[in-house]
């Protein structure tokens, strides 16, 4: 089994079934977002919920707005005096409390099984580079003691989890500010474009494809809450080259790779990615560099500044060695 394969116990499978029952088909409906909704409903306002969860008010507001859009119902009524839970929201509130209580019980029971075996809780982006993936696999194979548990969370959820000890290390596209985290730059990737092969043949010049020549196509984007600073940096560059970035909901998920390939193969859209992300690639789709390298993506390792774990330090060293080897 791959090092990144889910090691699902019966109890963990139960969590997934409960989550699916609460909201079928939405990978954004996570325990952290349920916790955000419960906090707002119980505190009666965003300000108090923000202090309770140590999350910014805009991030909480974005979370609730996304949940209401996904469910197609109004969960909270906002007013100058605070927030009131709607009848639909009260239904979700009961289910969410039960789900979170069950989720916490499972985490406690699983922790009992791991008391004698160290666990590194690691968060990775959807697009982990082959070099870092190989480093992770090599570390897991060679380290007999630590067990690496891999997760995917949005950026606000990652920083909350790092602060509260639910995460030990995060590989992310954004570098946080403040003294509570230590960081290390792992990779710098020049982004290219994934387009239909016949579009690539028409647009490719000596240095690649000009970003401005993609202005007639629709950009297949990722969800802004996942990496807001990087998202804003990308959209600023795209706008400066005449790309329309206002034609889609910035909270929507970037589709999985196979769906991206299917979407761009029609010749009306494009996606941005480093070259290593798109292998293997179907014949109808092509990756090309962007002329002038206008978009440079950085990948960071982030961990609590007060961490003293030698196993996390060893994993960081493996990542650092892979980064140096990838860019000598």
C-alpha atoms as a PDB file:
ATOM      1  CA  UNK A   1       0.000   0.000   0.000  1.00  0.00           C
ATOM      2  CA  UNK A   2       1.286   3.521  -0.812  1.00  0.00           C
ATOM      3  CA  UNK A   3       2.530   5.647   2.070  1.00  0.00           C
ATOM      4  CA  UNK A   4      -0.226   8.108   1.247  1.00  0.00           C
ATOM      5  CA  UNK A   5      -2.976   5.480   1.183  1.00  0.00           C
ATOM      6  CA  UNK A   6      -5.630   5.988   3.836  1.00  0.00           C
ATOM      7  CA  UNK A   7      -5.242   3.548   6.720  1.00  0.00           C
ATOM      8  CA  UNK A   8      -8.905   3.413   7.591  1.00  0.00           C
ATOM      9  CA  UNK A   9      -9.951   1.540  10.684  1.00  0.00           C
ATOM     10  CA  UNK A  10     -13.574   0.590  11.226  1.00  0.00           C
ATOM     11  CA  UNK A  11     -13.983   3.639  13.430  1.00  0.00           C
ATOM     12  CA  UNK A  12     -12.445   5.961  10.833  1.00  0.00           C
ATOM     13  CA  UNK A  13     -14.735   4.547   8.158  1.00  0.00           C
ATOM     14  CA  UNK A  14     -17.654   5.351  10.462  1.00  0.00           C
ATOM     15  CA  UNK A  15     -16.572   8.998  10.559  1.00  0.00           C
ATOM     16  CA  UNK A  16     -16.572   9.148   6.784  1.00  0.00           C
ATOM     17  CA  UNK A  17     -20.054   7.630   6.599  1.00  0.00           C
ATOM     18  CA  UNK A  18     -21.411  10.136   9.120  1.00  0.00           C
ATOM     19  CA  UNK A  19     -19.819  13.006   7.200  1.00  0.00           C
ATOM     20  CA  UNK A  20     -21.351  11.739   3.968  1.00  0.00           C
ATOM     21  CA  UNK A  21     -24.764  11.536   5.654  1.00  0.00           C
ATOM     22  CA  UNK A  22     -24.497  15.132   6.888  1.00  0.00           C
ATOM     23  CA  UNK A  23     -23.631  16.460   3.462  1.00  0.00           C
ATOM     24  CA  UNK A  24     -23.145  14.044   0.599  1.00  0.00           C
ATOM     25  CA  UNK A  25     -20.597  14.839  -2.077  1.00  0.00           C
ATOM     26  CA  UNK A  26     -18.899  17.934  -0.615  1.00  0.00           C
ATOM     27  CA  UNK A  27     -15.217  17.681   0.240  1.00  0.00           C
ATOM     28  CA  UNK A  28     -15.422  21.161   1.771  1.00  0.00           C
ATOM     29  CA  UNK A  29     -17.868  20.062   4.492  1.00  0.00           C
ATOM     30  CA  UNK A  30     -15.175  19.326   7.070  1.00  0.00           C
ATOM     31  CA  UNK A  31     -15.240  19.052  10.883  1.00  0.00           C
ATOM     32  CA  UNK A  32     -13.446  22.405  11.121  1.00  0.00           C
ATOM     33  CA  UNK A  33     -16.188  24.108   9.105  1.00  0.00           C
ATOM     34  CA  UNK A  34     -18.910  22.458  11.142  1.00  0.00           C
ATOM     35  CA  UNK A  35     -17.093  23.714  14.238  1.00  0.00           C
ATOM     36  CA  UNK A  36     -17.118  27.233  12.759  1.00  0.00           C
ATOM     37  CA  UNK A  37     -20.882  27.081  12.183  1.00  0.00           C
ATOM     38  CA  UNK A  38     -21.519  25.746  15.698  1.00  0.00           C
ATOM     39  CA  UNK A  39     -19.360  28.470  17.248  1.00  0.00           C
ATOM     40  CA  UNK A  40     -21.199  31.260  15.399  1.00  0.00           C
ATOM     41  CA  UNK A  41     -24.603  29.803  16.271  1.00  0.00           C
ATOM     42  CA  UNK A  42     -23.713  29.349  19.947  1.00  0.00           C
ATOM     43  CA  UNK A  43     -21.920  32.682  20.383  1.00  0.00           C
ATOM     44  CA  UNK A  44     -24.535  34.652  18.459  1.00  0.00           C
ATOM     45  CA  UNK A  45     -22.049  36.577  16.368  1.00  0.00           C
ATOM     46  CA  UNK A  46     -18.882  36.444  14.273  1.00  0.00           C
ATOM     47  CA  UNK A  47     -16.753  38.462  16.684  1.00  0.00           C
ATOM     48  CA  UNK A  48     -17.217  36.138  19.657  1.00  0.00           C
ATOM     49  CA  UNK A  49     -16.878  33.044  17.447  1.00  0.00           C
ATOM     50  CA  UNK A  50     -13.673  34.488  15.989  1.00  0.00           C
ATOM     51  CA  UNK A  51     -12.161  34.859  19.465  1.00  0.00           C
ATOM     52  CA  UNK A  52     -13.314  31.367  20.442  1.00  0.00           C
ATOM     53  CA  UNK A  53     -11.755  29.683  17.407  1.00  0.00           C
ATOM     54  CA  UNK A  54      -8.770  32.046  16.924  1.00  0.00           C
ATOM     55  CA  UNK A  55      -9.848  32.571  13.310  1.00  0.00           C
ATOM     56  CA  UNK A  56     -10.425  35.904  11.576  1.00  0.00           C
ATOM     57  CA  UNK A  57     -13.991  37.144  11.109  1.00  0.00           C
ATOM     58  CA  UNK A  58     -13.657  37.333   7.284  1.00  0.00           C
ATOM     59  CA  UNK A  59     -12.545  33.678   7.220  1.00  0.00           C
ATOM     60  CA  UNK A  60     -15.566  32.643   9.319  1.00  0.00           C
ATOM     61  CA  UNK A  61     -17.916  34.682   7.152  1.00  0.00           C
ATOM     62  CA  UNK A  62     -16.488  33.030   4.023  1.00  0.00           C
ATOM     63  CA  UNK A  63     -16.967  29.602   5.576  1.00  0.00           C
ATOM     64  CA  UNK A  64     -20.634  30.192   6.389  1.00  0.00           C
ATOM     65  CA  UNK A  65     -21.358  31.768   3.006  1.00  0.00           C
ATOM     66  CA  UNK A  66     -19.820  28.728   1.288  1.00  0.00           C
ATOM     67  CA  UNK A  67     -21.871  26.313   3.419  1.00  0.00           C
ATOM     68  CA  UNK A  68     -25.101  28.160   2.640  1.00  0.00           C
ATOM     69  CA  UNK A  69     -24.343  28.098  -1.086  1.00  0.00           C
ATOM     70  CA  UNK A  70     -23.456  24.400  -0.999  1.00  0.00           C
ATOM     71  CA  UNK A  71     -26.608  23.464   0.930  1.00  0.00           C
ATOM     72  CA  UNK A  72     -28.863  25.898  -0.919  1.00  0.00           C
ATOM     73  CA  UNK A  73     -30.485  27.068   2.337  1.00  0.00           C
ATOM     74  CA  UNK A  74     -30.143  29.960   4.764  1.00  0.00           C
ATOM     75  CA  UNK A  75     -28.444  28.902   7.992  1.00  0.00           C
ATOM     76  CA  UNK A  76     -28.038  32.248   9.753  1.00  0.00           C
ATOM     77  CA  UNK A  77     -29.869  35.557   9.751  1.00  0.00           C
ATOM     78  CA  UNK A  78     -27.510  38.519  10.126  1.00  0.00           C
ATOM     79  CA  UNK A  79     -28.528  41.817  11.756  1.00  0.00           C
ATOM     80  CA  UNK A  80     -26.942  44.798  13.477  1.00  0.00           C
ATOM     81  CA  UNK A  81     -27.439  43.099  16.850  1.00  0.00           C
ATOM     82  CA  UNK A  82     -25.815  39.797  15.948  1.00  0.00           C
ATOM     83  CA  UNK A  83     -26.638  36.483  14.296  1.00  0.00           C
ATOM     84  CA  UNK A  84     -29.753  34.332  14.683  1.00  0.00           C
ATOM     85  CA  UNK A  85     -29.939  30.678  13.653  1.00  0.00           C
ATOM     86  CA  UNK A  86     -32.734  29.894  11.168  1.00  0.00           C
ATOM     87  CA  UNK A  87     -34.976  26.837  11.491  1.00  0.00           C
ATOM     88  CA  UNK A  88     -32.827  25.086   8.885  1.00  0.00           C
ATOM     89  CA  UNK A  89     -29.745  26.163  10.811  1.00  0.00           C
ATOM     90  CA  UNK A  90     -31.124  24.684  14.028  1.00  0.00           C
ATOM     91  CA  UNK A  91     -31.516  21.338  12.259  1.00  0.00           C
ATOM     92  CA  UNK A  92     -27.914  21.473  11.084  1.00  0.00           C
ATOM     93  CA  UNK A  93     -26.780  22.640  14.533  1.00  0.00           C
ATOM     94  CA  UNK A  94     -28.076  19.475  16.187  1.00  0.00           C
ATOM     95  CA  UNK A  95     -26.520  17.252  13.517  1.00  0.00           C
ATOM     96  CA  UNK A  96     -23.235  19.175  13.650  1.00  0.00           C
ATOM     97  CA  UNK A  97     -22.963  18.881  17.436  1.00  0.00           C
ATOM     98  CA  UNK A  98     -23.584  15.139  17.247  1.00  0.00           C
ATOM     99  CA  UNK A  99     -21.073  14.754  14.414  1.00  0.00           C
ATOM    100  CA  UNK A 100     -18.358  16.728  16.232  1.00  0.00           C
ATOM    101  CA  UNK A 101     -18.908  14.806  19.465  1.00  0.00           C
ATOM    102  CA  UNK A 102     -18.600  11.526  17.551  1.00  0.00           C
ATOM    103  CA  UNK A 103     -15.555  12.826  15.705  1.00  0.00           C
ATOM    104  CA  UNK A 104     -13.861  13.807  19.000  1.00  0.00           C
ATOM    105  CA  UNK A 105     -14.608  10.407  20.538  1.00  0.00           C
ATOM    106  CA  UNK A 106     -12.977   8.657  17.586  1.00  0.00           C
ATOM    107  CA  UNK A 107      -9.896  10.889  17.757  1.00  0.00           C
ATOM    108  CA  UNK A 108      -9.527  10.102  21.464  1.00  0.00           C
ATOM    109  CA  UNK A 109      -9.878   6.356  20.855  1.00  0.00           C
ATOM    110  CA  UNK A 110      -7.389   6.439  17.988  1.00  0.00           C
ATOM    111  CA  UNK A 111      -4.957   8.415  20.151  1.00  0.00           C
ATOM    112  CA  UNK A 112      -5.013   5.580  22.669  1.00  0.00           C
ATOM    113  CA  UNK A 113      -3.685   3.219  19.982  1.00  0.00           C
ATOM    114  CA  UNK A 114      -0.873   5.617  19.092  1.00  0.00           C
ATOM    115  CA  UNK A 115       0.486   6.294  22.581  1.00  0.00           C
ATOM    116  CA  UNK A 116       3.478   4.061  21.984  1.00  0.00           C
ATOM    117  CA  UNK A 117       3.977   5.085  18.365  1.00  0.00           C
ATOM    118  CA  UNK A 118       4.800   8.698  17.483  1.00  0.00           C
ATOM    119  CA  UNK A 119       2.538  10.267  14.884  1.00  0.00           C
ATOM    120  CA  UNK A 120       3.462  13.165  12.612  1.00  0.00           C
ATOM    121  CA  UNK A 121       0.294  14.923  11.502  1.00  0.00           C
ATOM    122  CA  UNK A 122       1.201  16.379   8.121  1.00  0.00           C
ATOM    123  CA  UNK A 123      -0.903  18.568   5.825  1.00  0.00           C
ATOM    124  CA  UNK A 124      -0.043  18.637   2.125  1.00  0.00           C
ATOM    125  CA  UNK A 125      -1.514  20.515  -0.859  1.00  0.00           C
ATOM    126  CA  UNK A 126      -3.385  18.720  -3.623  1.00  0.00           C
ATOM    127  CA  UNK A 127      -0.371  19.252  -5.894  1.00  0.00           C
ATOM    128  CA  UNK A 128       2.588  17.851  -3.958  1.00  0.00           C
ATOM    129  CA  UNK A 129       5.627  17.819  -6.239  1.00  0.00           C
ATOM    130  CA  UNK A 130       7.139  14.457  -7.235  1.00  0.00           C
ATOM    131  CA  UNK A 131      10.398  15.336  -5.444  1.00  0.00           C
ATOM    132  CA  UNK A 132       8.644  16.071  -2.134  1.00  0.00           C
ATOM    133  CA  UNK A 133       6.355  13.067  -2.573  1.00  0.00           C
ATOM    134  CA  UNK A 134       9.390  10.826  -3.075  1.00  0.00           C
ATOM    135  CA  UNK A 135      11.055  12.358  -0.005  1.00  0.00           C
ATOM    136  CA  UNK A 136       7.946  11.651   2.071  1.00  0.00           C
ATOM    137  CA  UNK A 137       7.752   8.067   0.836  1.00  0.00           C
ATOM    138  CA  UNK A 138      11.457   7.525   1.516  1.00  0.00           C
ATOM    139  CA  UNK A 139      11.193   8.957   5.025  1.00  0.00           C
ATOM    140  CA  UNK A 140       8.212   6.747   5.860  1.00  0.00           C
ATOM    141  CA  UNK A 141       9.987   3.653   4.521  1.00  0.00           C
ATOM    142  CA  UNK A 142      13.239   4.283   6.380  1.00  0.00           C
ATOM    143  CA  UNK A 143      11.836   5.535   9.704  1.00  0.00           C
ATOM    144  CA  UNK A 144      10.658   2.586  11.747  1.00  0.00           C
ATOM    145  CA  UNK A 145       9.158   4.608  14.595  1.00  0.00           C
ATOM    146  CA  UNK A 146       7.188   7.670  13.411  1.00  0.00           C
ATOM    147  CA  UNK A 147       3.898   7.211  11.625  1.00  0.00           C
ATOM    148  CA  UNK A 148       2.994   9.961   9.125  1.00  0.00           C
ATOM    149  CA  UNK A 149      -0.711  10.781   8.951  1.00  0.00           C
ATOM    150  CA  UNK A 150      -1.414  12.876   5.843  1.00  0.00           C
ATOM    151  CA  UNK A 151      -4.318  15.334   5.650  1.00  0.00           C
ATOM    152  CA  UNK A 152      -5.600  18.090   3.376  1.00  0.00           C
ATOM    153  CA  UNK A 153      -7.090  21.269   4.866  1.00  0.00           C
ATOM    154  CA  UNK A 154      -7.829  24.791   3.704  1.00  0.00           C
ATOM    155  CA  UNK A 155      -5.288  27.440   4.681  1.00  0.00           C
ATOM    156  CA  UNK A 156      -7.258  28.863   7.664  1.00  0.00           C
ATOM    157  CA  UNK A 157      -7.873  25.337   8.934  1.00  0.00           C
ATOM    158  CA  UNK A 158      -4.164  24.513   8.638  1.00  0.00           C
ATOM    159  CA  UNK A 159      -3.050  27.443  10.786  1.00  0.00           C
ATOM    160  CA  UNK A 160      -5.690  26.724  13.428  1.00  0.00           C
ATOM    161  CA  UNK A 161      -4.623  23.070  13.501  1.00  0.00           C
ATOM    162  CA  UNK A 162      -0.949  24.042  13.827  1.00  0.00           C
ATOM    163  CA  UNK A 163      -1.756  26.368  16.734  1.00  0.00           C
ATOM    164  CA  UNK A 164      -3.859  23.777  18.552  1.00  0.00           C
ATOM    165  CA  UNK A 165      -1.472  20.847  18.080  1.00  0.00           C
ATOM    166  CA  UNK A 166      -3.682  18.944  15.626  1.00  0.00           C
ATOM    167  CA  UNK A 167      -0.992  19.418  12.958  1.00  0.00           C
ATOM    168  CA  UNK A 168       2.766  19.079  13.401  1.00  0.00           C
ATOM    169  CA  UNK A 169       3.834  20.217   9.942  1.00  0.00           C
ATOM    170  CA  UNK A 170       2.173  21.768   6.912  1.00  0.00           C
ATOM    171  CA  UNK A 171       3.333  22.017   3.305  1.00  0.00           C
ATOM    172  CA  UNK A 172       1.541  25.042   1.926  1.00  0.00           C
ATOM    173  CA  UNK A 173       1.602  27.661  -0.812  1.00  0.00           C
ATOM    174  CA  UNK A 174       1.590  30.552   1.669  1.00  0.00           C
ATOM    175  CA  UNK A 175       4.044  31.732   4.294  1.00  0.00           C
ATOM    176  CA  UNK A 176       2.335  32.911   7.497  1.00  0.00           C
ATOM    177  CA  UNK A 177       3.402  36.018   9.387  1.00  0.00           C
ATOM    178  CA  UNK A 178       4.177  36.195  13.076  1.00  0.00           C
ATOM    179  CA  UNK A 179       6.536  34.573  15.587  1.00  0.00           C
ATOM    180  CA  UNK A 180       4.343  31.540  16.344  1.00  0.00           C
ATOM    181  CA  UNK A 181       5.459  29.652  13.201  1.00  0.00           C
ATOM    182  CA  UNK A 182       8.800  28.677  11.694  1.00  0.00           C
ATOM    183  CA  UNK A 183       8.999  28.305   7.917  1.00  0.00           C
ATOM    184  CA  UNK A 184      11.289  26.939   5.219  1.00  0.00           C
ATOM    185  CA  UNK A 185      11.076  27.527   1.477  1.00  0.00           C
ATOM    186  CA  UNK A 186      10.899  24.117  -0.210  1.00  0.00           C
ATOM    187  CA  UNK A 187      10.313  24.854  -3.897  1.00  0.00           C
ATOM    188  CA  UNK A 188       9.962  27.574  -6.501  1.00  0.00           C
ATOM    189  CA  UNK A 189       8.010  26.460  -9.575  1.00  0.00           C
ATOM    190  CA  UNK A 190       7.455  28.427 -12.753  1.00  0.00           C
ATOM    191  CA  UNK A 191       3.867  27.795 -13.815  1.00  0.00           C
ATOM    192  CA  UNK A 192       3.003  26.823 -17.351  1.00  0.00           C
ATOM    193  CA  UNK A 193      -0.351  26.357 -19.034  1.00  0.00           C
ATOM    194  CA  UNK A 194      -2.406  23.213 -19.704  1.00  0.00           C
ATOM    195  CA  UNK A 195      -4.515  23.592 -22.854  1.00  0.00           C
ATOM    196  CA  UNK A 196      -5.985  21.549 -25.673  1.00  0.00           C
ATOM    197  CA  UNK A 197      -3.261  20.343 -28.027  1.00  0.00           C
ATOM    198  CA  UNK A 198      -4.692  22.178 -31.052  1.00  0.00           C
ATOM    199  CA  UNK A 199      -4.758  25.420 -29.018  1.00  0.00           C
ATOM    200  CA  UNK A 200      -1.147  24.871 -27.919  1.00  0.00           C
ATOM    201  CA  UNK A 201      -0.065  24.345 -31.535  1.00  0.00           C
ATOM    202  CA  UNK A 202      -1.714  27.620 -32.526  1.00  0.00           C
ATOM    203  CA  UNK A 203      -0.446  29.776 -29.638  1.00  0.00           C
ATOM    204  CA  UNK A 204       3.053  28.468 -28.851  1.00  0.00           C
ATOM    205  CA  UNK A 205       5.868  30.822 -29.799  1.00  0.00           C
ATOM    206  CA  UNK A 206       9.655  30.647 -29.354  1.00  0.00           C
ATOM    207  CA  UNK A 207       9.483  31.189 -25.565  1.00  0.00           C
ATOM    208  CA  UNK A 208       6.213  29.402 -24.941  1.00  0.00           C
ATOM    209  CA  UNK A 209       2.654  30.754 -24.820  1.00  0.00           C
ATOM    210  CA  UNK A 210       2.038  34.414 -24.054  1.00  0.00           C
ATOM    211  CA  UNK A 211      -0.318  34.832 -21.110  1.00  0.00           C
ATOM    212  CA  UNK A 212      -2.189  37.557 -22.994  1.00  0.00           C
ATOM    213  CA  UNK A 213      -2.966  35.100 -25.810  1.00  0.00           C
ATOM    214  CA  UNK A 214      -5.116  33.104 -23.370  1.00  0.00           C
ATOM    215  CA  UNK A 215      -7.549  35.992 -22.821  1.00  0.00           C
ATOM    216  CA  UNK A 216     -10.277  34.334 -24.923  1.00  0.00           C
ATOM    217  CA  UNK A 217     -10.210  31.221 -22.717  1.00  0.00           C
ATOM    218  CA  UNK A 218     -11.657  30.594 -19.256  1.00  0.00           C
ATOM    219  CA  UNK A 219      -9.263  30.005 -16.383  1.00  0.00           C
ATOM    220  CA  UNK A 220      -9.916  26.818 -14.362  1.00  0.00           C
ATOM    221  CA  UNK A 221      -9.150  28.046 -10.895  1.00  0.00           C
ATOM    222  CA  UNK A 222      -8.792  26.725  -7.367  1.00  0.00           C
ATOM    223  CA  UNK A 223     -10.735  27.873  -4.301  1.00  0.00           C
ATOM    224  CA  UNK A 224      -9.470  31.218  -2.971  1.00  0.00           C
ATOM    225  CA  UNK A 225      -9.859  30.272   0.754  1.00  0.00           C
ATOM    226  CA  UNK A 226      -7.317  27.482   0.212  1.00  0.00           C
ATOM    227  CA  UNK A 227      -4.512  30.031  -0.481  1.00  0.00           C
ATOM    228  CA  UNK A 228      -5.905  33.590  -0.522  1.00  0.00           C
ATOM    229  CA  UNK A 229      -2.603  35.486  -0.890  1.00  0.00           C
ATOM    230  CA  UNK A 230      -1.379  33.236  -3.685  1.00  0.00           C
ATOM    231  CA  UNK A 231      -4.805  33.386  -5.351  1.00  0.00           C
ATOM    232  CA  UNK A 232      -4.754  37.206  -5.228  1.00  0.00           C
ATOM    233  CA  UNK A 233      -1.216  37.301  -6.606  1.00  0.00           C
ATOM    234  CA  UNK A 234      -2.234  35.058  -9.507  1.00  0.00           C
ATOM    235  CA  UNK A 235      -5.381  37.018 -10.336  1.00  0.00           C
ATOM    236  CA  UNK A 236      -3.436  40.301 -10.304  1.00  0.00           C
ATOM    237  CA  UNK A 237      -0.958  38.915 -12.850  1.00  0.00           C
ATOM    238  CA  UNK A 238      -3.740  37.430 -14.991  1.00  0.00           C
ATOM    239  CA  UNK A 239      -5.702  40.703 -14.989  1.00  0.00           C
ATOM    240  CA  UNK A 240      -2.593  42.620 -16.032  1.00  0.00           C
ATOM    241  CA  UNK A 241      -2.421  40.359 -19.105  1.00  0.00           C
ATOM    242  CA  UNK A 242      -6.079  40.797 -20.038  1.00  0.00           C
ATOM    243  CA  UNK A 243      -7.412  37.542 -18.531  1.00  0.00           C
ATOM    244  CA  UNK A 244     -10.974  37.677 -17.173  1.00  0.00           C
ATOM    245  CA  UNK A 245     -10.808  36.379 -13.601  1.00  0.00           C
ATOM    246  CA  UNK A 246     -14.297  37.503 -12.547  1.00  0.00           C
ATOM    247  CA  UNK A 247     -16.318  34.884 -14.417  1.00  0.00           C
ATOM    248  CA  UNK A 248     -16.468  32.227 -11.686  1.00  0.00           C
ATOM    249  CA  UNK A 249     -16.971  31.769  -7.964  1.00  0.00           C
ATOM    250  CA  UNK A 250     -13.605  32.034  -6.192  1.00  0.00           C
ATOM    251  CA  UNK A 251     -14.791  29.557  -3.535  1.00  0.00           C
ATOM    252  CA  UNK A 252     -15.266  26.728  -6.015  1.00  0.00           C
ATOM    253  CA  UNK A 253     -12.991  23.729  -5.964  1.00  0.00           C
ATOM    254  CA  UNK A 254     -10.367  23.175  -8.603  1.00  0.00           C
ATOM    255  CA  UNK A 255     -11.405  19.878 -10.211  1.00  0.00           C
ATOM    256  CA  UNK A 256      -9.278  16.764  -9.936  1.00  0.00           C
ATOM    257  CA  UNK A 257      -6.654  16.235 -12.623  1.00  0.00           C
ATOM    258  CA  UNK A 258      -8.752  14.034 -14.907  1.00  0.00           C
ATOM    259  CA  UNK A 259     -11.568  16.602 -14.908  1.00  0.00           C
ATOM    260  CA  UNK A 260      -9.109  19.417 -15.659  1.00  0.00           C
ATOM    261  CA  UNK A 261      -7.847  17.460 -18.667  1.00  0.00           C
ATOM    262  CA  UNK A 262     -11.415  16.844 -19.846  1.00  0.00           C
ATOM    263  CA  UNK A 263     -12.329  20.522 -19.405  1.00  0.00           C
ATOM    264  CA  UNK A 264      -9.367  21.970 -21.316  1.00  0.00           C
ATOM    265  CA  UNK A 265      -9.528  19.374 -24.119  1.00  0.00           C
ATOM    266  CA  UNK A 266     -12.489  21.233 -25.636  1.00  0.00           C
ATOM    267  CA  UNK A 267     -10.290  24.237 -26.377  1.00  0.00           C
ATOM    268  CA  UNK A 268     -12.251  26.826 -24.389  1.00  0.00           C
ATOM    269  CA  UNK A 269     -10.390  26.837 -21.088  1.00  0.00           C
ATOM    270  CA  UNK A 270      -6.927  26.570 -19.585  1.00  0.00           C
ATOM    271  CA  UNK A 271      -5.317  25.593 -16.281  1.00  0.00           C
ATOM    272  CA  UNK A 272      -2.054  26.712 -14.717  1.00  0.00           C
ATOM    273  CA  UNK A 273       0.405  24.161 -13.353  1.00  0.00           C
ATOM    274  CA  UNK A 274       4.108  23.367 -13.066  1.00  0.00           C
ATOM    275  CA  UNK A 275       5.396  20.899 -15.636  1.00  0.00           C
ATOM    276  CA  UNK A 276       5.847  18.108 -13.073  1.00  0.00           C
ATOM    277  CA  UNK A 277       2.128  18.147 -12.216  1.00  0.00           C
ATOM    278  CA  UNK A 278       0.859  17.107 -15.634  1.00  0.00           C
ATOM    279  CA  UNK A 279       2.605  13.775 -16.242  1.00  0.00           C
ATOM    280  CA  UNK A 280       1.241  11.555 -17.660  1.00  0.00           C
ATOM    281  CA  UNK A 281      -0.952  13.651 -19.897  1.00  0.00           C
ATOM    282  CA  UNK A 282      -3.491  12.567 -22.559  1.00  0.00           C
ATOM    283  CA  UNK A 283      -2.791  13.183 -26.241  1.00  0.00           C
ATOM    284  CA  UNK A 284      -5.601  15.745 -26.582  1.00  0.00           C
ATOM    285  CA  UNK A 285      -4.038  17.975 -23.911  1.00  0.00           C
ATOM    286  CA  UNK A 286      -0.640  19.706 -23.799  1.00  0.00           C
ATOM    287  CA  UNK A 287       1.478  21.524 -21.232  1.00  0.00           C
ATOM    288  CA  UNK A 288       3.449  24.527 -22.460  1.00  0.00           C
ATOM    289  CA  UNK A 289       5.669  27.017 -20.588  1.00  0.00           C
ATOM    290  CA  UNK A 290       4.448  30.591 -20.266  1.00  0.00           C
ATOM    291  CA  UNK A 291       6.670  33.052 -22.108  1.00  0.00           C
ATOM    292  CA  UNK A 292       8.672  35.176 -19.696  1.00  0.00           C
ATOM    293  CA  UNK A 293       7.750  33.047 -16.651  1.00  0.00           C
ATOM    294  CA  UNK A 294       5.190  35.548 -15.279  1.00  0.00           C
ATOM    295  CA  UNK A 295       3.922  33.234 -12.501  1.00  0.00           C
ATOM    296  CA  UNK A 296       6.306  31.780  -9.912  1.00  0.00           C
ATOM    297  CA  UNK A 297       4.741  29.567  -7.230  1.00  0.00           C
ATOM    298  CA  UNK A 298       6.453  28.991  -3.879  1.00  0.00           C
ATOM    299  CA  UNK A 299       5.920  26.007  -1.613  1.00  0.00           C
ATOM    300  CA  UNK A 300       6.647  26.401   2.106  1.00  0.00           C
ATOM    301  CA  UNK A 301       7.033  24.098   5.086  1.00  0.00           C
ATOM    302  CA  UNK A 302       5.365  25.555   8.191  1.00  0.00           C
ATOM    303  CA  UNK A 303       5.518  24.250  11.754  1.00  0.00           C
ATOM    304  CA  UNK A 304       4.990  25.607  15.288  1.00  0.00           C
ATOM    305  CA  UNK A 305       7.987  27.649  16.460  1.00  0.00           C
ATOM    306  CA  UNK A 306       7.909  25.933  19.844  1.00  0.00           C
ATOM    307  CA  UNK A 307       8.139  22.425  18.360  1.00  0.00           C
ATOM    308  CA  UNK A 308      10.957  20.298  19.766  1.00  0.00           C
ATOM    309  CA  UNK A 309      10.170  17.072  17.907  1.00  0.00           C
ATOM    310  CA  UNK A 310      13.197  15.414  16.383  1.00  0.00           C
ATOM    311  CA  UNK A 311      11.068  13.267  14.059  1.00  0.00           C
ATOM    312  CA  UNK A 312       9.524  16.406  12.511  1.00  0.00           C
ATOM    313  CA  UNK A 313      13.035  17.841  12.137  1.00  0.00           C
ATOM    314  CA  UNK A 314      14.104  14.638  10.347  1.00  0.00           C
ATOM    315  CA  UNK A 315      11.172  14.888   7.929  1.00  0.00           C
ATOM    316  CA  UNK A 316      12.019  18.550   7.281  1.00  0.00           C
ATOM    317  CA  UNK A 317      15.604  17.520   6.532  1.00  0.00           C
ATOM    318  CA  UNK A 318      14.309  14.957   4.015  1.00  0.00           C
ATOM    319  CA  UNK A 319      12.176  17.632   2.344  1.00  0.00           C
ATOM    320  CA  UNK A 320      15.116  20.050   2.287  1.00  0.00           C
ATOM    321  CA  UNK A 321      17.423  17.459   0.726  1.00  0.00           C
ATOM    322  CA  UNK A 322      14.822  16.683  -1.950  1.00  0.00           C
ATOM    323  CA  UNK A 323      14.434  20.404  -2.714  1.00  0.00           C
ATOM    324  CA  UNK A 324      18.180  20.869  -3.118  1.00  0.00           C
ATOM    325  CA  UNK A 325      18.408  17.803  -5.355  1.00  0.00           C
ATOM    326  CA  UNK A 326      15.470  19.040  -7.443  1.00  0.00           C
ATOM    327  CA  UNK A 327      17.060  22.487  -7.895  1.00  0.00           C
ATOM    328  CA  UNK A 328      20.836  22.038  -7.515  1.00  0.00           C
END
